[in-house]
Amino acid sequence: MLVEPSSIPLVAQVANGSPVHVPDLNLTPDSDFHRHPVSAEAIKSTGIRTMLGVPMVAEQGVIGTFFMGRVRVQPFTDKEIELIMDFAAQAAIALEITRRERQYRELQMQLAHANRVATMGQLTASIAHELKQPLAAVVTSGNTISRWLTSYPPEIEKANQSLNRVIKGANRASDVLDRIHCLVKKDLPRTHTLNINHAIIEVMTLIHSEALQNGVTVKTHLADHLPKIQGDRVQLQQVILNLIINAIQAMSGLTEGIRELHVSTESAEEKGVRVAVRDSGPGLGAENLQRLFEPFYTTKPNGMGMGLSISRSIIEDHGGQLCAAALHPHGALFQFTIPAR
């Protein structure tokens, strides 16, 4: 039985690191153990006669109390108490590690969300352009419908055709908004079976205008019949989006040469998948390669230095690996693998 330090008054006695030992509970009918509903129910249901409570101590002090009982009157020996105290200490360490891991995961989720929002902020102009096209088509088709319906006689068939274009344009705009919403909303990680090619195609629709504005030609080679993988769709799309945006930004400063972005997928070892993002930018120096995935390390004037660090954490949480390589004579290659599960 594990309780918080303040749950039972007697537990206050272990705050200084000393155990609480009651050899025979029947001789102390008015004790706090009999009055507290948790311990009273345990005593009643199990018939415990001898009770031992030892503190669970972490860096910040007592975090709980570990109780053991015997259904017969048999006081614990000093050696047994020492052994149980050692066990309680190990349990406290395990709980503290679990608490810190949970805090780390929560912080990692918050940083990942902030990174997604910041990335989408960089794409504001491109997203506006992606929305402007279908919405303009809706307006144009709507005006056309009005003309067909007010003509004499009304052109019902032609009006229906224009109406279908309105629906198509509205659905296209809705799809863009849905993808943005999925990327920016703050939600707990969800693991699903997914097709990595479909996830990449959705990301490509968001960066299409950004690539055009920077004079980047985008080429994709998505292999057929890839194994399905288990993962969080939004997190993996965040990694892909980060790698693509980094590649486009790396090429935006080129004064000569071609600007090409290649995104590809293929089967990897152990029935997994490999995603590669390759650019024709200035490439990566030796120092950059060594520090590229360090938190807060960036080569951009206004960069936060968190995108690649977060991306690597996401991929490793999926059981995969993210790595980078310099290409010759120029360019960079980022690729990650996700094992099939």
Protein backbone atom coordinates (compact mmCIF):
# COMPACT_ATOMS: atom_id res chain seq x y z
CA MET A 1 0.00 0.00 0.00
CA LEU A 2 1.44 3.35 -1.06
CA VAL A 3 0.00 6.64 0.22
CA GLU A 4 0.99 10.28 0.03
CA PRO A 5 2.89 11.61 3.06
CA SER A 6 -0.02 13.73 4.28
CA SER A 7 -2.76 11.09 3.83
CA ILE A 8 -2.38 9.44 7.27
CA PRO A 9 -1.25 11.47 10.29
CA LEU A 10 1.10 8.71 11.50
CA VAL A 11 2.98 8.98 8.24
CA ALA A 12 4.20 12.39 9.40
CA GLN A 13 6.50 10.44 11.72
CA VAL A 14 8.46 9.10 8.77
CA ALA A 15 9.16 12.57 7.41
CA ASN A 16 12.53 12.48 9.18
CA GLY A 17 13.42 9.15 7.53
CA SER A 18 12.40 6.81 10.37
CA PRO A 19 10.04 3.84 9.86
CA VAL A 20 6.70 3.39 11.64
CA HIS A 21 6.37 -0.08 13.17
CA VAL A 22 3.21 -1.34 14.93
CA PRO A 23 3.78 -4.91 16.23
CA ASP A 24 0.08 -5.56 17.01
CA LEU A 25 -2.66 -3.31 15.62
CA ASN A 26 -5.26 -4.87 17.95
CA LEU A 27 -3.40 -3.34 20.89
CA THR A 28 -3.81 0.14 19.36
CA PRO A 29 -7.51 0.26 18.35
CA ASP A 30 -7.57 4.06 18.53
CA SER A 31 -4.53 4.56 16.29
CA ASP A 32 -4.63 6.62 13.12
CA PHE A 33 -4.38 3.40 11.12
CA HIS A 34 -7.82 2.34 12.36
CA ARG A 35 -9.38 5.77 11.81
CA HIS A 36 -8.12 6.49 8.29
CA PRO A 37 -10.47 4.97 5.65
CA VAL A 38 -7.66 3.64 3.43
CA SER A 39 -5.71 1.82 6.13
CA ALA A 40 -8.87 0.88 8.07
CA GLU A 41 -10.31 -0.84 4.98
CA ALA A 42 -7.01 -2.66 4.37
CA ILE A 43 -6.92 -3.87 7.98
CA LYS A 44 -10.55 -4.98 7.86
CA SER A 45 -10.37 -6.77 4.51
CA THR A 46 -7.03 -8.52 5.07
CA GLY A 47 -6.94 -9.00 8.80
CA ILE A 48 -3.53 -7.37 9.13
CA ARG A 49 -2.12 -7.49 12.67
CA THR A 50 1.46 -6.23 12.25
CA MET A 51 2.10 -3.08 10.21
CA LEU A 52 5.31 -1.50 8.97
CA GLY A 53 5.57 1.84 7.14
CA VAL A 54 8.85 3.10 5.70
CA PRO A 55 9.53 6.43 3.97
CA MET A 56 10.13 6.75 0.25
CA VAL A 57 12.73 9.49 -0.01
CA ALA A 58 13.74 11.40 -3.14
CA GLU A 59 15.85 14.52 -3.62
CA GLN A 60 12.97 16.80 -2.66
CA GLY A 61 12.18 14.83 0.51
CA VAL A 62 9.64 12.16 1.40
CA ILE A 63 7.41 11.48 -1.62
CA GLY A 64 5.38 8.65 -0.11
CA THR A 65 5.26 5.83 2.40
CA PHE A 66 5.56 2.12 1.66
CA PHE A 67 3.45 -0.10 3.93
CA MET A 68 3.75 -3.81 4.58
CA GLY A 69 1.57 -5.88 6.87
CA ARG A 70 1.29 -9.37 8.30
CA VAL A 71 -1.96 -11.15 9.12
CA ARG A 72 -0.41 -12.59 12.28
CA VAL A 73 1.39 -10.90 15.13
CA GLN A 74 4.99 -11.12 14.01
CA PRO A 75 7.04 -7.97 14.48
CA PHE A 76 9.54 -7.17 11.74
CA THR A 77 13.18 -7.71 12.66
CA ASP A 78 15.78 -4.99 12.28
CA LYS A 79 17.22 -6.82 9.26
CA GLU A 80 13.79 -7.08 7.63
CA ILE A 81 13.12 -3.39 8.26
CA GLU A 82 16.49 -2.50 6.74
CA LEU A 83 15.74 -4.65 3.69
CA ILE A 84 12.29 -3.08 3.22
CA MET A 85 13.75 0.40 3.61
CA ASP A 86 16.25 -0.41 0.83
CA PHE A 87 13.37 -1.59 -1.34
CA ALA A 88 11.41 1.60 -0.61
CA ALA A 89 14.47 3.67 -1.54
CA GLN A 90 14.73 1.85 -4.90
CA ALA A 91 11.00 2.35 -5.47
CA ALA A 92 11.39 6.08 -4.75
CA ILE A 93 14.22 6.29 -7.29
CA ALA A 94 12.05 4.51 -9.89
CA LEU A 95 9.14 6.87 -9.24
CA GLU A 96 11.43 9.89 -9.50
CA ILE A 97 12.86 8.65 -12.80
CA THR A 98 9.34 8.10 -14.11
CA ARG A 99 8.29 11.59 -13.00
CA ARG A 100 11.28 13.19 -14.70
CA GLU A 101 10.71 11.21 -17.88
CA ARG A 102 7.11 12.39 -17.90
CA GLN A 103 8.22 15.98 -17.43
CA TYR A 104 10.74 15.55 -20.25
CA ARG A 105 8.05 14.15 -22.57
CA GLU A 106 5.70 17.00 -21.72
CA LEU A 107 8.44 19.56 -22.40
CA GLN A 108 9.35 17.80 -25.63
CA MET A 109 5.70 17.92 -26.75
CA GLN A 110 5.51 21.65 -25.96
CA LEU A 111 8.70 22.37 -27.90
CA ALA A 112 7.51 20.28 -30.84
CA HIS A 113 4.22 22.16 -30.90
CA ALA A 114 6.01 25.51 -30.74
CA ASN A 115 8.25 24.40 -33.60
CA ARG A 116 5.23 23.41 -35.73
CA VAL A 117 3.55 26.76 -35.11
CA ALA A 118 6.78 28.63 -35.94
CA THR A 119 7.22 26.60 -39.14
CA MET A 120 3.65 27.29 -40.24
CA GLY A 121 4.27 30.97 -39.52
CA GLN A 122 7.10 30.91 -42.07
CA LEU A 123 4.63 29.54 -44.63
CA THR A 124 1.98 32.22 -44.11
CA ALA A 125 2.37 33.75 -47.58
CA SER A 126 2.45 30.36 -49.26
CA ILE A 127 -0.61 29.14 -47.38
CA ALA A 128 -2.47 32.31 -48.32
CA HIS A 129 -1.64 31.63 -51.96
CA GLU A 130 -2.79 28.01 -51.68
CA LEU A 131 -6.12 29.24 -50.28
CA LYS A 132 -6.48 32.13 -52.72
CA GLN A 133 -6.58 29.90 -55.80
CA PRO A 134 -9.52 27.66 -54.83
CA LEU A 135 -11.42 30.58 -53.25
CA ALA A 136 -10.98 32.64 -56.42
CA ALA A 137 -12.29 29.68 -58.40
CA VAL A 138 -15.33 29.56 -56.11
CA VAL A 139 -16.06 33.26 -56.73
CA THR A 140 -15.62 32.91 -60.50
CA SER A 141 -17.84 29.83 -60.69
CA GLY A 142 -20.43 31.50 -58.47
CA ASN A 143 -20.65 34.47 -60.84
CA THR A 144 -20.93 32.08 -63.75
CA ILE A 145 -23.80 30.22 -62.07
CA SER A 146 -25.61 33.52 -61.61
CA ARG A 147 -25.31 34.28 -65.32
CA TRP A 148 -26.50 30.83 -66.39
CA LEU A 149 -29.52 30.97 -64.08
CA THR A 150 -30.58 34.51 -65.07
CA SER A 151 -30.32 33.82 -68.79
CA TYR A 152 -33.48 33.04 -70.74
CA PRO A 153 -34.10 30.21 -70.79
CA PRO A 154 -31.97 29.27 -67.76
CA GLU A 155 -28.97 27.05 -68.56
CA ILE A 156 -29.51 24.50 -65.80
CA GLU A 157 -26.95 21.97 -67.06
CA LYS A 158 -24.20 24.57 -67.39
CA ALA A 159 -25.12 25.99 -63.98
CA ASN A 160 -24.74 22.50 -62.47
CA GLN A 161 -21.29 22.17 -64.03
CA SER A 162 -20.25 25.48 -62.49
CA LEU A 163 -21.73 24.40 -59.17
CA ASN A 164 -19.56 21.28 -59.22
CA ARG A 165 -16.52 23.53 -59.68
CA VAL A 166 -17.63 25.57 -56.65
CA ILE A 167 -17.85 22.41 -54.55
CA LYS A 168 -14.44 21.24 -55.81
CA GLY A 169 -12.83 24.59 -54.98
CA ALA A 170 -14.43 24.75 -51.54
CA ASN A 171 -13.28 21.20 -50.76
CA ARG A 172 -9.76 22.04 -51.87
CA ALA A 173 -9.64 25.07 -49.56
CA SER A 174 -11.11 22.98 -46.74
CA ASP A 175 -8.41 20.33 -47.22
CA VAL A 176 -5.67 22.96 -46.91
CA LEU A 177 -7.21 24.31 -43.70
CA ASP A 178 -7.61 20.81 -42.27
CA ARG A 179 -3.92 20.05 -42.84
CA ILE A 180 -2.89 23.33 -41.22
CA HIS A 181 -5.17 22.67 -38.26
CA CYS A 182 -3.73 19.18 -37.73
CA LEU A 183 -0.19 20.57 -37.70
CA VAL A 184 -0.75 23.52 -35.37
CA LYS A 185 -3.20 22.11 -32.84
CA LYS A 186 -1.80 20.95 -29.52
CA ASP A 187 -2.65 17.32 -29.03
CA LEU A 188 -1.24 14.19 -27.41
CA PRO A 189 0.79 11.88 -29.67
CA ARG A 190 -1.33 9.24 -31.36
CA THR A 191 0.13 6.13 -32.93
CA HIS A 192 -1.63 4.75 -35.99
CA THR A 193 -0.83 2.55 -38.95
CA LEU A 194 -0.01 4.95 -41.78
CA ASN A 195 1.24 5.18 -45.34
CA ILE A 196 4.29 7.45 -45.35
CA ASN A 197 3.76 8.39 -49.01
CA HIS A 198 0.31 9.79 -48.25
CA ALA A 199 1.73 11.81 -45.35
CA ILE A 200 4.42 13.27 -47.65
CA ILE A 201 1.91 14.19 -50.37
CA GLU A 202 -0.14 16.17 -47.83
CA VAL A 203 2.97 18.11 -46.78
CA MET A 204 3.91 18.83 -50.41
CA THR A 205 0.64 20.69 -50.95
CA LEU A 206 1.61 23.12 -48.17
CA ILE A 207 5.09 23.92 -49.50
CA HIS A 208 4.21 24.13 -53.21
CA SER A 209 3.91 27.91 -53.29
CA GLU A 210 6.95 28.39 -51.03
CA ALA A 211 9.06 26.41 -53.48
CA LEU A 212 7.77 28.42 -56.45
CA GLN A 213 8.47 31.74 -54.74
CA ASN A 214 12.08 30.69 -54.13
CA GLY A 215 12.58 29.30 -57.63
CA VAL A 216 12.95 25.73 -56.38
CA THR A 217 11.99 22.79 -58.57
CA VAL A 218 10.51 19.98 -56.52
CA LYS A 219 10.83 16.38 -57.65
CA THR A 220 9.40 13.37 -55.84
CA HIS A 221 10.09 9.69 -56.21
CA LEU A 222 7.78 7.78 -53.88
CA ALA A 223 8.25 4.04 -54.07
CA ASP A 224 5.26 1.76 -54.50
CA HIS A 225 4.26 -1.03 -52.14
CA LEU A 226 6.05 0.36 -49.10
CA PRO A 227 5.35 -1.39 -45.80
CA LYS A 228 2.92 0.34 -43.49
CA ILE A 229 4.48 1.82 -40.37
CA GLN A 230 3.23 2.67 -36.89
CA GLY A 231 3.61 6.30 -35.89
CA ASP A 232 2.15 9.68 -35.13
CA ARG A 233 1.16 11.21 -38.48
CA VAL A 234 1.44 14.83 -37.33
CA GLN A 235 4.88 14.33 -35.76
CA LEU A 236 6.30 12.61 -38.84
CA GLN A 237 4.84 15.31 -41.09
CA GLN A 238 6.49 17.89 -38.83
CA VAL A 239 9.88 16.23 -39.46
CA ILE A 240 9.30 16.11 -43.23
CA LEU A 241 8.13 19.73 -43.27
CA ASN A 242 11.18 20.86 -41.27
CA LEU A 243 13.59 19.11 -43.64
CA ILE A 244 11.89 20.51 -46.75
CA ILE A 245 11.72 24.08 -45.41
CA ASN A 246 15.39 23.90 -44.40
CA ALA A 247 16.30 22.73 -47.90
CA ILE A 248 14.32 25.51 -49.59
CA GLN A 249 15.85 28.14 -47.32
CA ALA A 250 19.36 26.77 -47.97
CA MET A 251 18.85 27.18 -51.72
CA SER A 252 17.12 30.57 -51.54
CA GLY A 253 20.46 32.37 -51.26
CA LEU A 254 22.03 30.77 -54.33
CA THR A 255 23.08 33.29 -56.97
CA GLU A 256 23.84 30.69 -59.64
CA GLY A 257 23.18 27.07 -60.43
CA ILE A 258 19.98 25.07 -60.28
CA ARG A 259 17.68 24.88 -57.29
CA GLU A 260 16.33 21.38 -57.02
CA LEU A 261 14.66 19.59 -54.15
CA HIS A 262 14.28 15.81 -54.28
CA VAL A 263 12.00 13.95 -51.90
CA SER A 264 12.03 10.17 -52.10
CA THR A 265 10.96 7.06 -50.25
CA GLU A 266 12.16 3.48 -50.42
CA SER A 267 12.06 0.27 -48.47
CA ALA A 268 14.68 0.02 -45.74
CA GLU A 269 16.19 -2.85 -43.86
CA GLU A 270 14.04 -4.76 -41.39
CA LYS A 271 10.95 -4.10 -43.50
CA GLY A 272 10.96 -0.40 -42.68
CA VAL A 273 10.90 2.74 -44.81
CA ARG A 274 13.48 5.38 -45.61
CA VAL A 275 12.59 9.00 -46.42
CA ALA A 276 15.24 11.19 -48.06
CA VAL A 277 15.28 14.95 -48.68
CA ARG A 278 18.10 16.10 -50.98
CA ASP A 279 18.84 19.65 -52.13
CA SER A 280 21.30 21.41 -54.44
CA GLY A 281 22.18 24.13 -51.93
CA PRO A 282 25.59 25.20 -50.64
CA GLY A 283 25.99 22.00 -48.63
CA LEU A 284 27.22 21.31 -45.12
CA GLY A 285 30.64 21.95 -43.64
CA ALA A 286 32.42 19.53 -41.34
CA GLU A 287 31.66 21.63 -38.26
CA ASN A 288 28.00 21.89 -39.19
CA LEU A 289 27.69 18.14 -39.59
CA GLN A 290 29.10 17.54 -36.12
CA ARG A 291 26.78 19.99 -34.37
CA LEU A 292 23.77 19.98 -36.67
CA PHE A 293 21.40 18.20 -34.30
CA GLU A 294 22.48 19.98 -31.13
CA PRO A 295 19.74 22.06 -29.45
CA PHE A 296 20.00 25.79 -30.20
CA TYR A 297 22.72 25.31 -32.84
CA THR A 298 21.80 27.08 -36.06
CA THR A 299 23.43 28.51 -39.16
CA LYS A 300 20.48 30.79 -39.90
CA PRO A 301 20.57 34.47 -38.84
CA ASN A 302 17.08 34.25 -37.34
CA GLY A 303 17.00 30.54 -36.57
CA MET A 304 16.06 29.04 -33.19
CA GLY A 305 18.20 25.94 -33.63
CA MET A 306 15.44 23.60 -32.42
CA GLY A 307 13.95 22.14 -35.60
CA LEU A 308 16.53 19.44 -36.31
CA SER A 309 17.00 18.58 -32.63
CA ILE A 310 13.25 18.08 -32.21
CA SER A 311 13.07 16.17 -35.50
CA ARG A 312 15.75 13.72 -34.39
CA SER A 313 13.96 13.17 -31.05
CA ILE A 314 10.71 12.44 -32.89
CA ILE A 315 12.35 9.93 -35.21
CA GLU A 316 14.18 8.21 -32.36
CA ASP A 317 10.91 7.99 -30.42
CA HIS A 318 9.56 6.10 -33.45
CA GLY A 319 12.47 3.66 -33.22
CA GLY A 320 14.27 5.15 -36.22
CA GLN A 321 17.31 7.25 -37.06
CA LEU A 322 17.78 10.68 -38.64
CA CYS A 323 21.12 11.56 -40.22
CA ALA A 324 22.66 14.12 -42.58
CA ALA A 325 25.42 14.02 -45.17
CA ALA A 326 27.19 16.54 -47.38
CA LEU A 327 26.94 15.93 -51.13
CA HIS A 328 29.64 16.69 -53.67
CA PRO A 329 30.19 19.03 -55.32
CA HIS A 330 27.33 20.74 -53.43
CA GLY A 331 24.06 20.02 -51.70
CA ALA A 332 22.93 18.16 -48.62
CA LEU A 333 21.08 14.94 -47.90
CA PHE A 334 18.86 14.36 -44.88
CA GLN A 335 17.23 11.00 -44.44
CA PHE A 336 15.45 9.05 -41.77
CA THR A 337 14.33 5.48 -41.36
CA ILE A 338 11.28 4.16 -39.54
CA PRO A 339 11.07 0.42 -38.82
CA ALA A 340 7.89 -1.45 -39.57
CA ARG A 341 6.17 -2.64 -36.40
